Amino acid sequence: MNLKEYIEEIDRQFRTGIAREHSYRPALQQLFSSMLPHLTVTNEPARKSSRSPFCTPLYQQPLPRTTNILA
């Protein structure tokens, strides 16, 4: 997915009139996955302590960290 396709999908969801925050997340996951192929992006990963990330990219190569994207 490229940026143009992402914006088109977000617009399509928005025009339904019933889309909420979670409606847009699959498109964001697809965008991240296509732009960052060396990562595995998980939508709605398990909660970690007091944080609740909506998307966590995991490095496919062994690295000592992950990066959480918080809502």
C-alpha atoms as a PDB file:
ATOM      1  CA  MET A   1       0.000   0.000   0.000  1.00  0.00           C
ATOM      2  CA  ASN A   2       1.325   3.427  -0.837  1.00  0.00           C
ATOM      3  CA  LEU A   3       0.370   6.737   0.759  1.00  0.00           C
ATOM      4  CA  LYS A   4      -2.227   7.536  -1.917  1.00  0.00           C
ATOM      5  CA  GLU A   5      -3.951   4.162  -1.391  1.00  0.00           C
ATOM      6  CA  TYR A   6      -3.858   4.699   2.385  1.00  0.00           C
ATOM      7  CA  ILE A   7      -5.566   8.090   2.084  1.00  0.00           C
ATOM      8  CA  GLU A   8      -8.159   6.624  -0.300  1.00  0.00           C
ATOM      9  CA  GLU A   9      -8.934   3.827   2.189  1.00  0.00           C
ATOM     10  CA  ILE A  10      -9.200   6.264   5.102  1.00  0.00           C
ATOM     11  CA  ASP A  11     -11.525   8.445   3.024  1.00  0.00           C
ATOM     12  CA  ARG A  12     -13.629   5.416   2.037  1.00  0.00           C
ATOM     13  CA  GLN A  13     -14.013   4.433   5.688  1.00  0.00           C
ATOM     14  CA  PHE A  14     -14.803   8.018   6.723  1.00  0.00           C
ATOM     15  CA  ARG A  15     -17.498   8.418   4.066  1.00  0.00           C
ATOM     16  CA  THR A  16     -19.467   5.494   5.532  1.00  0.00           C
ATOM     17  CA  GLY A  17     -20.450   7.812   8.366  1.00  0.00           C
ATOM     18  CA  ILE A  18     -20.053   5.036  10.929  1.00  0.00           C
ATOM     19  CA  ALA A  19     -16.265   4.680  11.099  1.00  0.00           C
ATOM     20  CA  ARG A  20     -14.555   5.117  14.444  1.00  0.00           C
ATOM     21  CA  GLU A  21     -10.918   4.957  15.549  1.00  0.00           C
ATOM     22  CA  HIS A  22     -10.576   1.198  15.114  1.00  0.00           C
ATOM     23  CA  SER A  23     -11.936   1.364  11.559  1.00  0.00           C
ATOM     24  CA  TYR A  24      -8.772   3.098  10.354  1.00  0.00           C
ATOM     25  CA  ARG A  25      -6.198   0.855  12.008  1.00  0.00           C
ATOM     26  CA  PRO A  26      -6.068  -1.972   9.406  1.00  0.00           C
ATOM     27  CA  ALA A  27      -5.136   0.566   6.723  1.00  0.00           C
ATOM     28  CA  LEU A  28      -2.428   2.016   8.957  1.00  0.00           C
ATOM     29  CA  GLN A  29      -1.090  -1.479   9.626  1.00  0.00           C
ATOM     30  CA  GLN A  30      -0.967  -2.174   5.870  1.00  0.00           C
ATOM     31  CA  LEU A  31       0.777   1.146   5.223  1.00  0.00           C
ATOM     32  CA  PHE A  32       3.432   0.511   7.881  1.00  0.00           C
ATOM     33  CA  SER A  33       3.957  -3.057   6.661  1.00  0.00           C
ATOM     34  CA  SER A  34       4.440  -1.987   3.056  1.00  0.00           C
ATOM     35  CA  MET A  35       6.694   0.963   3.866  1.00  0.00           C
ATOM     36  CA  LEU A  36       8.757  -0.934   6.449  1.00  0.00           C
ATOM     37  CA  PRO A  37       9.028  -4.500   5.119  1.00  0.00           C
ATOM     38  CA  HIS A  38      11.737  -5.415   7.641  1.00  0.00           C
ATOM     39  CA  LEU A  39       9.145  -5.054  10.440  1.00  0.00           C
ATOM     40  CA  THR A  40       6.198  -7.191  11.449  1.00  0.00           C
ATOM     41  CA  VAL A  41       3.433  -4.791  12.451  1.00  0.00           C
ATOM     42  CA  THR A  42       0.760  -6.017  14.874  1.00  0.00           C
ATOM     43  CA  ASN A  43      -2.526  -4.182  15.289  1.00  0.00           C
ATOM     44  CA  GLU A  44      -3.890  -4.282  18.862  1.00  0.00           C
ATOM     45  CA  PRO A  45      -0.971  -6.111  20.527  1.00  0.00           C
ATOM     46  CA  ALA A  46      -1.245  -7.425  24.073  1.00  0.00           C
ATOM     47  CA  ARG A  47      -1.199  -4.784  26.778  1.00  0.00           C
ATOM     48  CA  LYS A  48       2.156  -4.217  28.484  1.00  0.00           C
ATOM     49  CA  SER A  49       2.058  -3.062  32.118  1.00  0.00           C
ATOM     50  CA  SER A  50       0.280   0.306  32.127  1.00  0.00           C
ATOM     51  CA  ARG A  51       0.717   1.000  28.407  1.00  0.00           C
ATOM     52  CA  SER A  52      -1.813   0.099  25.784  1.00  0.00           C
ATOM     53  CA  PRO A  53      -0.226   0.497  22.327  1.00  0.00           C
ATOM     54  CA  PHE A  54      -2.458   0.288  19.275  1.00  0.00           C
ATOM     55  CA  CYS A  55       0.326  -0.840  16.982  1.00  0.00           C
ATOM     56  CA  THR A  56       3.663  -2.524  17.649  1.00  0.00           C
ATOM     57  CA  PRO A  57       6.251  -3.004  14.929  1.00  0.00           C
ATOM     58  CA  LEU A  58       8.568  -5.925  15.681  1.00  0.00           C
ATOM     59  CA  TYR A  59      11.946  -6.273  14.026  1.00  0.00           C
ATOM     60  CA  GLN A  60      12.232  -9.497  12.044  1.00  0.00           C
ATOM     61  CA  GLN A  61      15.933  -9.576  12.796  1.00  0.00           C
ATOM     62  CA  PRO A  62      16.868 -10.164  16.439  1.00  0.00           C
ATOM     63  CA  LEU A  63      17.140  -6.761  18.078  1.00  0.00           C
ATOM     64  CA  PRO A  64      16.832  -6.043  21.796  1.00  0.00           C
ATOM     65  CA  ARG A  65      13.867  -3.677  21.533  1.00  0.00           C
ATOM     66  CA  THR A  66      10.450  -2.981  20.047  1.00  0.00           C
ATOM     67  CA  THR A  67       8.817   0.359  19.437  1.00  0.00           C
ATOM     68  CA  ASN A  68       5.238   0.983  20.486  1.00  0.00           C
ATOM     69  CA  ILE A  69       3.007   3.549  18.850  1.00  0.00           C
ATOM     70  CA  LEU A  70       0.641   4.859  21.500  1.00  0.00           C
ATOM     71  CA  ALA A  71      -2.761   6.314  20.739  1.00  0.00           C
END
